Amino acid sequence: MSYTPKKCSFCSRLIPLGQGIMFIRNDGATFWYCSSKCRKNASVLKRDPRKLKWARAQRFRSEQVSSPQTRMKLAEATVATTKKK
């Protein structure tokens, strides 16, 4: 039996085996959440993950970084955020 990793429906973080919350709506749509924070923001508060900095950053990190330009941008963004603090 093989395990296919699930992605959080809100922030796109990979969910480890045996963890996470599965939410099934009345129409049969299935959503996987990595934490109660993601579940509450999506289903209870009905927030858009593109408008939240923490969810948008997680989505960007979880994408496949294939080109050197994207890796460079990610590195520059990380350095810029660490210098601001």
Protein backbone atom coordinates (compact mmCIF):
# COMPACT_ATOMS: atom_id res chain seq x y z
CA MET A 1 0.00 0.00 0.00
CA SER A 2 1.51 3.32 -1.03
CA TYR A 3 0.89 6.66 0.60
CA THR A 4 0.32 9.75 -1.51
CA PRO A 5 1.08 12.87 0.50
CA LYS A 6 -1.87 15.20 0.96
CA LYS A 7 -1.64 18.97 0.57
CA CYS A 8 -3.46 21.40 2.82
CA SER A 9 -6.40 22.88 0.92
CA PHE A 10 -5.69 26.30 2.44
CA CYS A 11 -1.91 26.79 2.62
CA SER A 12 -0.64 23.91 0.39
CA ARG A 13 1.67 22.55 3.10
CA LEU A 14 2.35 18.80 2.87
CA ILE A 15 0.49 16.84 5.55
CA PRO A 16 2.40 13.94 7.16
CA LEU A 17 0.81 10.50 7.33
CA GLY A 18 -1.60 10.17 10.24
CA GLN A 19 -1.95 13.91 10.82
CA GLY A 20 -4.24 16.64 9.55
CA ILE A 21 -7.98 17.21 9.45
CA MET A 22 -10.26 15.91 6.71
CA PHE A 23 -13.35 18.08 6.20
CA ILE A 24 -16.19 16.79 4.01
CA ARG A 25 -18.96 19.16 2.96
CA ASN A 26 -22.56 18.06 2.43
CA ASP A 27 -22.05 18.08 -1.35
CA GLY A 28 -19.21 15.55 -1.02
CA ALA A 29 -16.25 17.90 -1.56
CA THR A 30 -13.24 16.82 0.52
CA PHE A 31 -10.78 19.30 2.02
CA TRP A 32 -7.58 18.44 3.90
CA TYR A 33 -6.19 20.88 6.48
CA CYS A 34 -2.79 20.71 8.16
CA SER A 35 -3.93 22.52 11.31
CA SER A 36 -6.96 23.96 13.05
CA LYS A 37 -5.67 27.41 12.07
CA CYS A 38 -6.09 26.54 8.37
CA ARG A 39 -9.47 24.87 8.95
CA LYS A 40 -10.87 27.86 10.84
CA ASN A 41 -9.54 30.38 8.33
CA ALA A 42 -11.03 28.46 5.40
CA SER A 43 -14.35 27.07 6.58
CA VAL A 44 -15.38 29.21 9.56
CA LEU A 45 -13.95 32.63 8.68
CA LYS A 46 -14.12 32.08 4.88
CA ARG A 47 -10.82 33.84 4.23
CA ASP A 48 -8.95 33.88 0.93
CA PRO A 49 -5.45 32.36 1.32
CA ARG A 50 -4.08 34.66 -1.38
CA LYS A 51 -4.76 37.67 0.86
CA LEU A 52 -2.98 36.29 3.93
CA LYS A 53 0.79 36.72 4.07
CA TRP A 54 1.51 33.50 5.96
CA ALA A 55 -0.61 31.32 3.66
CA ARG A 56 0.68 32.96 0.49
CA ALA A 57 4.29 32.48 1.62
CA GLN A 58 3.64 28.82 2.39
CA ARG A 59 2.05 28.29 -1.05
CA PHE A 60 5.09 29.86 -2.72
CA ARG A 61 7.52 27.66 -0.76
CA SER A 62 5.59 24.47 -1.47
CA GLU A 63 5.65 24.95 -5.26
CA GLN A 64 8.28 23.09 -7.23
CA VAL A 65 11.26 25.43 -7.49
CA SER A 66 12.68 24.43 -10.83
CA SER A 67 14.52 27.34 -12.37
CA PRO A 68 17.59 29.11 -10.93
CA GLN A 69 15.78 32.46 -11.24
CA THR A 70 12.98 31.32 -8.93
CA ARG A 71 15.49 29.93 -6.45
CA MET A 72 17.32 33.27 -6.54
CA LYS A 73 14.09 35.21 -5.90
CA LEU A 74 13.21 32.92 -3.00
CA ALA A 75 16.66 33.37 -1.48
CA GLU A 76 16.49 37.17 -1.88
CA ALA A 77 13.02 37.28 -0.30
CA THR A 78 14.19 35.19 2.65
CA VAL A 79 17.24 37.40 3.20
CA ALA A 80 15.11 40.56 2.94
CA THR A 81 12.60 39.34 5.52
CA THR A 82 15.29 38.26 7.97
CA LYS A 83 17.08 41.62 7.72
CA LYS A 84 13.86 43.56 8.48
CA LYS A 85 13.53 41.87 11.88
